[in-house]
PDB file of all heavy atoms in Angstrom:
ATOM      1  N   LEU A   1     -24.538 -24.140  10.605  1.00  0.00           N
ATOM      2  CA  LEU A   1     -25.262 -22.901  10.415  1.00  0.00           C
ATOM      3  C   LEU A   1     -25.899 -22.438  11.726  1.00  0.00           C
ATOM      4  O   LEU A   1     -25.791 -21.256  12.092  1.00  0.00           O
ATOM      5  CB  LEU A   1     -26.359 -23.116   9.344  1.00  0.00           C
ATOM      6  CG  LEU A   1     -27.415 -21.989   9.244  1.00  0.00           C
ATOM      7  CD1 LEU A   1     -26.773 -20.702   8.745  1.00  0.00           C
ATOM      8  CD2 LEU A   1     -28.575 -22.418   8.326  1.00  0.00           C
ATOM      9  N   LEU A   2     -26.559 -23.330  12.424  1.00  0.00           N
ATOM     10  CA  LEU A   2     -27.212 -22.960  13.679  1.00  0.00           C
ATOM     11  C   LEU A   2     -26.197 -22.467  14.711  1.00  0.00           C
ATOM     12  O   LEU A   2     -26.437 -21.487  15.423  1.00  0.00           O
ATOM     13  CB  LEU A   2     -27.989 -24.153  14.243  1.00  0.00           C
ATOM     14  CG  LEU A   2     -29.114 -24.743  13.365  1.00  0.00           C
ATOM     15  CD1 LEU A   2     -29.856 -25.841  14.118  1.00  0.00           C
ATOM     16  CD2 LEU A   2     -30.088 -23.648  12.941  1.00  0.00           C
ATOM     17  N   ALA A   3     -25.042 -23.149  14.773  1.00  0.00           N
ATOM     18  CA  ALA A   3     -24.001 -22.706  15.701  1.00  0.00           C
ATOM     19  C   ALA A   3     -23.483 -21.320  15.330  1.00  0.00           C
ATOM     20  O   ALA A   3     -23.235 -20.457  16.191  1.00  0.00           O
ATOM     21  CB  ALA A   3     -22.865 -23.712  15.726  1.00  0.00           C
ATOM     22  N   ALA A   4     -23.313 -21.070  14.025  1.00  0.00           N
ATOM     23  CA  ALA A   4     -22.844 -19.782  13.568  1.00  0.00           C
ATOM     24  C   ALA A   4     -23.841 -18.675  13.866  1.00  0.00           C
ATOM     25  O   ALA A   4     -23.476 -17.557  14.219  1.00  0.00           O
ATOM     26  CB  ALA A   4     -22.535 -19.835  12.058  1.00  0.00           C
ATOM     27  N   VAL A   5     -25.131 -18.992  13.725  1.00  0.00           N
ATOM     28  CA  VAL A   5     -26.192 -18.023  14.024  1.00  0.00           C
ATOM     29  C   VAL A   5     -26.179 -17.657  15.497  1.00  0.00           C
ATOM     30  O   VAL A   5     -26.327 -16.484  15.881  1.00  0.00           O
ATOM     31  CB  VAL A   5     -27.562 -18.556  13.596  1.00  0.00           C
ATOM     32  CG1 VAL A   5     -28.694 -17.683  14.116  1.00  0.00           C
ATOM     33  CG2 VAL A   5     -27.648 -18.667  12.075  1.00  0.00           C
ATOM     34  N   ILE A   6     -25.984 -18.638  16.365  1.00  0.00           N
ATOM     35  CA  ILE A   6     -25.916 -18.396  17.817  1.00  0.00           C
ATOM     36  C   ILE A   6     -24.713 -17.493  18.132  1.00  0.00           C
ATOM     37  O   ILE A   6     -24.804 -16.515  18.898  1.00  0.00           O
ATOM     38  CB  ILE A   6     -25.847 -19.711  18.598  1.00  0.00           C
ATOM     39  CG1 ILE A   6     -27.163 -20.486  18.436  1.00  0.00           C
ATOM     40  CG2 ILE A   6     -25.570 -19.448  20.070  1.00  0.00           C
ATOM     41  CD1 ILE A   6     -27.131 -21.898  19.016  1.00  0.00           C
ATOM     42  N   LEU A   7     -23.556 -17.835  17.564  1.00  0.00           N
ATOM     43  CA  LEU A   7     -22.345 -17.027  17.777  1.00  0.00           C
ATOM     44  C   LEU A   7     -22.541 -15.619  17.207  1.00  0.00           C
ATOM     45  O   LEU A   7     -22.083 -14.630  17.811  1.00  0.00           O
ATOM     46  CB  LEU A   7     -21.132 -17.712  17.154  1.00  0.00           C
ATOM     47  CG  LEU A   7     -19.787 -17.019  17.338  1.00  0.00           C
ATOM     48  CD1 LEU A   7     -19.471 -16.827  18.820  1.00  0.00           C
ATOM     49  CD2 LEU A   7     -18.689 -17.826  16.656  1.00  0.00           C
ATOM     50  N   MET A   8     -23.191 -15.529  16.079  1.00  0.00           N
ATOM     51  CA  MET A   8     -23.520 -14.223  15.484  1.00  0.00           C
ATOM     52  C   MET A   8     -24.303 -13.357  16.468  1.00  0.00           C
ATOM     53  O   MET A   8     -24.019 -12.162  16.651  1.00  0.00           O
ATOM     54  CB  MET A   8     -24.310 -14.442  14.185  1.00  0.00           C
ATOM     55  CG  MET A   8     -24.983 -13.237  13.619  1.00  0.00           C
ATOM     56  SD  MET A   8     -26.109 -13.728  12.255  1.00  0.00           S
ATOM     57  CE  MET A   8     -26.879 -12.157  11.855  1.00  0.00           C
ATOM     58  N   GLY A   9     -25.270 -13.978  17.117  1.00  0.00           N
ATOM     59  CA  GLY A   9     -26.088 -13.260  18.101  1.00  0.00           C
ATOM     60  C   GLY A   9     -25.267 -12.789  19.288  1.00  0.00           C
ATOM     61  O   GLY A   9     -25.472 -11.673  19.788  1.00  0.00           O
ATOM     62  N   ILE A  10     -24.360 -13.641  19.756  1.00  0.00           N
ATOM     63  CA  ILE A  10     -23.499 -13.268  20.890  1.00  0.00           C
ATOM     64  C   ILE A  10     -22.644 -12.054  20.544  1.00  0.00           C
ATOM     65  O   ILE A  10     -22.498 -11.117  21.353  1.00  0.00           O
ATOM     66  CB  ILE A  10     -22.621 -14.470  21.303  1.00  0.00           C
ATOM     67  CG1 ILE A  10     -23.481 -15.602  21.839  1.00  0.00           C
ATOM     68  CG2 ILE A  10     -21.576 -14.030  22.329  1.00  0.00           C
ATOM     69  CD1 ILE A  10     -22.740 -16.898  22.119  1.00  0.00           C
ATOM     70  N   ILE A  11     -22.092 -12.040  19.345  1.00  0.00           N
ATOM     71  CA  ILE A  11     -21.272 -10.912  18.886  1.00  0.00           C
ATOM     72  C   ILE A  11     -22.110  -9.636  18.822  1.00  0.00           C
ATOM     73  O   ILE A  11     -21.652  -8.554  19.227  1.00  0.00           O
ATOM     74  CB  ILE A  11     -20.646 -11.214  17.509  1.00  0.00           C
ATOM     75  CG1 ILE A  11     -19.655 -12.393  17.634  1.00  0.00           C
ATOM     76  CG2 ILE A  11     -19.953  -9.978  16.940  1.00  0.00           C
ATOM     77  CD1 ILE A  11     -19.132 -12.899  16.285  1.00  0.00           C
ATOM     78  N   GLN A  12     -23.340  -9.760  18.325  1.00  0.00           N
ATOM     79  CA  GLN A  12     -24.208  -8.560  18.231  1.00  0.00           C
ATOM     80  C   GLN A  12     -24.581  -8.029  19.601  1.00  0.00           C
ATOM     81  O   GLN A  12     -24.630  -6.802  19.796  1.00  0.00           O
ATOM     82  CB  GLN A  12     -25.448  -8.928  17.425  1.00  0.00           C
ATOM     83  CG  GLN A  12     -25.149  -9.126  15.941  1.00  0.00           C
ATOM     84  CD  GLN A  12     -26.382  -9.537  15.154  1.00  0.00           C
ATOM     85  OE1 GLN A  12     -27.264 -10.239  15.641  1.00  0.00           O
ATOM     86  NE2 GLN A  12     -26.444  -9.106  13.902  1.00  0.00           N
ATOM     87  N   ILE A  13     -24.852  -8.916  20.555  1.00  0.00           N
ATOM     88  CA  ILE A  13     -25.137  -8.465  21.922  1.00  0.00           C
ATOM     89  C   ILE A  13     -23.934  -7.744  22.502  1.00  0.00           C
ATOM     90  O   ILE A  13     -24.057  -6.696  23.161  1.00  0.00           O
ATOM     91  CB  ILE A  13     -25.552  -9.650  22.790  1.00  0.00           C
ATOM     92  CG1 ILE A  13     -26.955 -10.145  22.404  1.00  0.00           C
ATOM     93  CG2 ILE A  13     -25.540  -9.240  24.272  1.00  0.00           C
ATOM     94  CD1 ILE A  13     -27.432 -11.334  23.203  1.00  0.00           C
ATOM     95  N   ALA A  14     -22.724  -8.295  22.262  1.00  0.00           N
ATOM     96  CA  ALA A  14     -21.506  -7.634  22.743  1.00  0.00           C
ATOM     97  C   ALA A  14     -21.358  -6.233  22.138  1.00  0.00           C
ATOM     98  O   ALA A  14     -20.987  -5.295  22.839  1.00  0.00           O
ATOM     99  CB  ALA A  14     -20.291  -8.473  22.393  1.00  0.00           C
ATOM    100  N   ALA A  15     -21.725  -6.103  20.859  1.00  0.00           N
ATOM    101  CA  ALA A  15     -21.672  -4.786  20.209  1.00  0.00           C
ATOM    102  C   ALA A  15     -22.605  -3.811  20.897  1.00  0.00           C
ATOM    103  O   ALA A  15     -22.282  -2.624  21.078  1.00  0.00           O
ATOM    104  CB  ALA A  15     -22.016  -4.912  18.729  1.00  0.00           C
ATOM    105  N   GLY A  16     -23.792  -4.279  21.289  1.00  0.00           N
ATOM    106  CA  GLY A  16     -24.743  -3.421  21.998  1.00  0.00           C
ATOM    107  C   GLY A  16     -24.265  -3.062  23.387  1.00  0.00           C
ATOM    108  O   GLY A  16     -24.390  -1.913  23.821  1.00  0.00           O
ATOM    109  N   VAL A  17     -23.709  -4.059  24.102  1.00  0.00           N
ATOM    110  CA  VAL A  17     -23.222  -3.819  25.471  1.00  0.00           C
ATOM    111  C   VAL A  17     -22.096  -2.793  25.477  1.00  0.00           C
ATOM    112  O   VAL A  17     -22.026  -1.932  26.362  1.00  0.00           O
ATOM    113  CB  VAL A  17     -22.768  -5.149  26.099  1.00  0.00           C
ATOM    114  CG1 VAL A  17     -22.048  -4.899  27.431  1.00  0.00           C
ATOM    115  CG2 VAL A  17     -23.962  -6.078  26.321  1.00  0.00           C
ATOM    116  N   PHE A  18     -21.217  -2.885  24.495  1.00  0.00           N
ATOM    117  CA  PHE A  18     -20.097  -1.941  24.413  1.00  0.00           C
ATOM    118  C   PHE A  18     -20.466  -0.665  23.641  1.00  0.00           C
ATOM    119  O   PHE A  18     -19.583   0.133  23.280  1.00  0.00           O
ATOM    120  CB  PHE A  18     -18.879  -2.612  23.756  1.00  0.00           C
ATOM    121  CG  PHE A  18     -18.230  -3.628  24.632  1.00  0.00           C
ATOM    122  CD1 PHE A  18     -18.408  -4.990  24.407  1.00  0.00           C
ATOM    123  CD2 PHE A  18     -17.435  -3.229  25.697  1.00  0.00           C
ATOM    124  CE1 PHE A  18     -17.823  -5.934  25.224  1.00  0.00           C
ATOM    125  CE2 PHE A  18     -16.829  -4.176  26.521  1.00  0.00           C
ATOM    126  CZ  PHE A  18     -17.030  -5.534  26.298  1.00  0.00           C
ATOM    127  N   LYS A  19     -21.770  -0.518  23.378  1.00  0.00           N
ATOM    128  CA  LYS A  19     -22.316   0.717  22.794  1.00  0.00           C
ATOM    129  C   LYS A  19     -21.710   1.084  21.455  1.00  0.00           C
ATOM    130  O   LYS A  19     -21.439   2.250  21.152  1.00  0.00           O
ATOM    131  CB  LYS A  19     -22.171   1.883  23.789  1.00  0.00           C
ATOM    132  CG  LYS A  19     -22.851   1.618  25.122  1.00  0.00           C
ATOM    133  CD  LYS A  19     -22.834   2.841  26.020  1.00  0.00           C
ATOM    134  CE  LYS A  19     -23.483   2.551  27.374  1.00  0.00           C
ATOM    135  NZ  LYS A  19     -24.865   2.078  27.274  1.00  0.00           N
ATOM    136  N   LEU A  20     -21.509   0.068  20.615  1.00  0.00           N
ATOM    137  CA  LEU A  20     -20.987   0.323  19.269  1.00  0.00           C
ATOM    138  C   LEU A  20     -22.068   0.824  18.333  1.00  0.00           C
ATOM    139  O   LEU A  20     -21.765   1.283  17.232  1.00  0.00           O
ATOM    140  CB  LEU A  20     -20.336  -0.950  18.711  1.00  0.00           C
ATOM    141  CG  LEU A  20     -19.171  -1.545  19.521  1.00  0.00           C
ATOM    142  CD1 LEU A  20     -18.587  -2.751  18.811  1.00  0.00           C
ATOM    143  CD2 LEU A  20     -18.098  -0.479  19.749  1.00  0.00           C
ATOM    144  N   GLY A  21     -23.327   0.697  18.740  1.00  0.00           N
ATOM    145  CA  GLY A  21     -24.416   1.149  17.889  1.00  0.00           C
ATOM    146  C   GLY A  21     -24.363   2.635  17.609  1.00  0.00           C
ATOM    147  O   GLY A  21     -24.894   3.099  16.596  1.00  0.00           O
ATOM    148  N   ARG A  22     -23.713   3.380  18.460  1.00  0.00           N
ATOM    149  CA  ARG A  22     -23.646   4.857  18.280  1.00  0.00           C
ATOM    150  C   ARG A  22     -22.872   5.227  17.028  1.00  0.00           C
ATOM    151  O   ARG A  22     -23.052   6.309  16.462  1.00  0.00           O
ATOM    152  CB  ARG A  22     -22.995   5.493  19.510  1.00  0.00           C
ATOM    153  CG  ARG A  22     -21.504   5.236  19.607  1.00  0.00           C
ATOM    154  CD  ARG A  22     -20.879   5.897  20.829  1.00  0.00           C
ATOM    155  NE  ARG A  22     -21.331   5.235  22.057  1.00  0.00           N
ATOM    156  CZ  ARG A  22     -20.854   5.553  23.262  1.00  0.00           C
ATOM    157  NH1 ARG A  22     -19.945   6.501  23.373  1.00  0.00           N
ATOM    158  NH2 ARG A  22     -21.279   4.938  24.336  1.00  0.00           N
ATOM    159  N   PHE A  23     -21.968   4.328  16.579  1.00  0.00           N
ATOM    160  CA  PHE A  23     -21.118   4.684  15.463  1.00  0.00           C
ATOM    161  C   PHE A  23     -21.875   4.796  14.139  1.00  0.00           C
ATOM    162  O   PHE A  23     -21.359   5.359  13.184  1.00  0.00           O
ATOM    163  CB  PHE A  23     -19.957   3.673  15.326  1.00  0.00           C
ATOM    164  CG  PHE A  23     -18.954   3.779  16.417  1.00  0.00           C
ATOM    165  CD1 PHE A  23     -18.874   2.836  17.423  1.00  0.00           C
ATOM    166  CD2 PHE A  23     -18.102   4.879  16.478  1.00  0.00           C
ATOM    167  CE1 PHE A  23     -17.952   2.940  18.446  1.00  0.00           C
ATOM    168  CE2 PHE A  23     -17.167   4.985  17.499  1.00  0.00           C
ATOM    169  CZ  PHE A  23     -17.101   4.031  18.489  1.00  0.00           C
ATOM    170  N   VAL A  24     -23.074   4.229  14.089  1.00  0.00           N
ATOM    171  CA  VAL A  24     -23.864   4.366  12.866  1.00  0.00           C
ATOM    172  C   VAL A  24     -24.235   5.827  12.637  1.00  0.00           C
ATOM    173  O   VAL A  24     -24.509   6.242  11.513  1.00  0.00           O
ATOM    174  CB  VAL A  24     -25.127   3.477  12.933  1.00  0.00           C
ATOM    175  CG1 VAL A  24     -26.184   4.085  13.839  1.00  0.00           C
ATOM    176  CG2 VAL A  24     -25.708   3.262  11.532  1.00  0.00           C
ATOM    177  N   ARG A  25     -24.228   6.630  13.709  1.00  0.00           N
ATOM    178  CA  ARG A  25     -24.525   8.056  13.568  1.00  0.00           C
ATOM    179  C   ARG A  25     -23.410   8.768  12.809  1.00  0.00           C
ATOM    180  O   ARG A  25     -23.607   9.897  12.349  1.00  0.00           O
ATOM    181  CB  ARG A  25     -24.686   8.689  14.951  1.00  0.00           C
ATOM    182  CG  ARG A  25     -25.746   8.019  15.831  1.00  0.00           C
ATOM    183  CD  ARG A  25     -27.140   8.228  15.291  1.00  0.00           C
ATOM    184  NE  ARG A  25     -28.148   7.539  16.095  1.00  0.00           N
ATOM    185  CZ  ARG A  25     -29.423   7.448  15.762  1.00  0.00           C
ATOM    186  NH1 ARG A  25     -29.848   7.987  14.636  1.00  0.00           N
ATOM    187  NH2 ARG A  25     -30.266   6.785  16.534  1.00  0.00           N
ATOM    188  N   LEU A  26     -22.231   8.136  12.703  1.00  0.00           N
ATOM    189  CA  LEU A  26     -21.120   8.752  12.005  1.00  0.00           C
ATOM    190  C   LEU A  26     -21.183   8.533  10.503  1.00  0.00           C
ATOM    191  O   LEU A  26     -20.345   9.078   9.764  1.00  0.00           O
ATOM    192  CB  LEU A  26     -19.798   8.200  12.549  1.00  0.00           C
ATOM    193  CG  LEU A  26     -19.514   8.425  14.040  1.00  0.00           C
ATOM    194  CD1 LEU A  26     -18.188   7.774  14.423  1.00  0.00           C
ATOM    195  CD2 LEU A  26     -19.487   9.897  14.371  1.00  0.00           C
ATOM    196  N   ILE A  27     -22.143   7.724  10.054  1.00  0.00           N
ATOM    197  CA  ILE A  27     -22.248   7.445   8.624  1.00  0.00           C
ATOM    198  C   ILE A  27     -22.754   8.705   7.910  1.00  0.00           C
ATOM    199  O   ILE A  27     -23.827   9.199   8.216  1.00  0.00           O
ATOM    200  CB  ILE A  27     -23.181   6.243   8.366  1.00  0.00           C
ATOM    201  CG1 ILE A  27     -22.592   4.989   8.994  1.00  0.00           C
ATOM    202  CG2 ILE A  27     -23.413   6.044   6.878  1.00  0.00           C
ATOM    203  CD1 ILE A  27     -23.471   3.776   8.898  1.00  0.00           C
ATOM    204  N   PRO A  28     -21.993   9.233   6.959  1.00  0.00           N
ATOM    205  CA  PRO A  28     -22.386  10.473   6.273  1.00  0.00           C
ATOM    206  C   PRO A  28     -23.650  10.297   5.442  1.00  0.00           C
ATOM    207  O   PRO A  28     -24.005   9.190   5.036  1.00  0.00           O
ATOM    208  CB  PRO A  28     -21.176  10.778   5.376  1.00  0.00           C
ATOM    209  CG  PRO A  28     -20.056   9.955   5.917  1.00  0.00           C
ATOM    210  CD  PRO A  28     -20.693   8.730   6.511  1.00  0.00           C
ATOM    211  N   HIS A  29     -24.310  11.435   5.188  1.00  0.00           N
ATOM    212  CA  HIS A  29     -25.566  11.393   4.440  1.00  0.00           C
ATOM    213  C   HIS A  29     -25.385  10.827   3.017  1.00  0.00           C
ATOM    214  O   HIS A  29     -26.250  10.073   2.547  1.00  0.00           O
ATOM    215  CB  HIS A  29     -26.203  12.781   4.382  1.00  0.00           C
ATOM    216  CG  HIS A  29     -27.593  12.773   3.824  1.00  0.00           C
ATOM    217  ND1 HIS A  29     -28.671  12.242   4.492  1.00  0.00           N
ATOM    218  CD2 HIS A  29     -28.095  13.218   2.639  1.00  0.00           C
ATOM    219  CE1 HIS A  29     -29.753  12.350   3.760  1.00  0.00           C
ATOM    220  NE2 HIS A  29     -29.436  12.939   2.628  1.00  0.00           N
ATOM    221  N   PRO A  30     -24.323  11.195   2.269  1.00  0.00           N
ATOM    222  CA  PRO A  30     -24.155  10.583   0.931  1.00  0.00           C
ATOM    223  C   PRO A  30     -24.062   9.070   0.988  1.00  0.00           C
ATOM    224  O   PRO A  30     -24.545   8.379   0.088  1.00  0.00           O
ATOM    225  CB  PRO A  30     -22.842  11.205   0.424  1.00  0.00           C
ATOM    226  CG  PRO A  30     -22.728  12.498   1.162  1.00  0.00           C
ATOM    227  CD  PRO A  30     -23.305  12.224   2.534  1.00  0.00           C
ATOM    228  N   VAL A  31     -23.428   8.509   2.051  1.00  0.00           N
ATOM    229  CA  VAL A  31     -23.366   7.054   2.187  1.00  0.00           C
ATOM    230  C   VAL A  31     -24.743   6.490   2.447  1.00  0.00           C
ATOM    231  O   VAL A  31     -25.138   5.470   1.877  1.00  0.00           O
ATOM    232  CB  VAL A  31     -22.389   6.675   3.329  1.00  0.00           C
ATOM    233  CG1 VAL A  31     -22.367   5.159   3.542  1.00  0.00           C
ATOM    234  CG2 VAL A  31     -20.991   7.185   3.029  1.00  0.00           C
ATOM    235  N   MET A  32     -25.504   7.172   3.300  1.00  0.00           N
ATOM    236  CA  MET A  32     -26.868   6.727   3.593  1.00  0.00           C
ATOM    237  C   MET A  32     -27.726   6.752   2.350  1.00  0.00           C
ATOM    238  O   MET A  32     -28.490   5.798   2.056  1.00  0.00           O
ATOM    239  CB  MET A  32     -27.467   7.651   4.672  1.00  0.00           C
ATOM    240  CG  MET A  32     -28.863   7.261   5.097  1.00  0.00           C
ATOM    241  SD  MET A  32     -28.873   5.695   6.006  1.00  0.00           S
ATOM    242  CE  MET A  32     -30.638   5.475   6.233  1.00  0.00           C
TER     243      MET A  32
END
């Protein structure tokens, strides 16, 4: 579990570095 949590964090940092956070703006209002 601890190893998976660390790897989870690495993947999330990579998502931020590659600016994938912007895609949440594409989520339509009915979905929200």
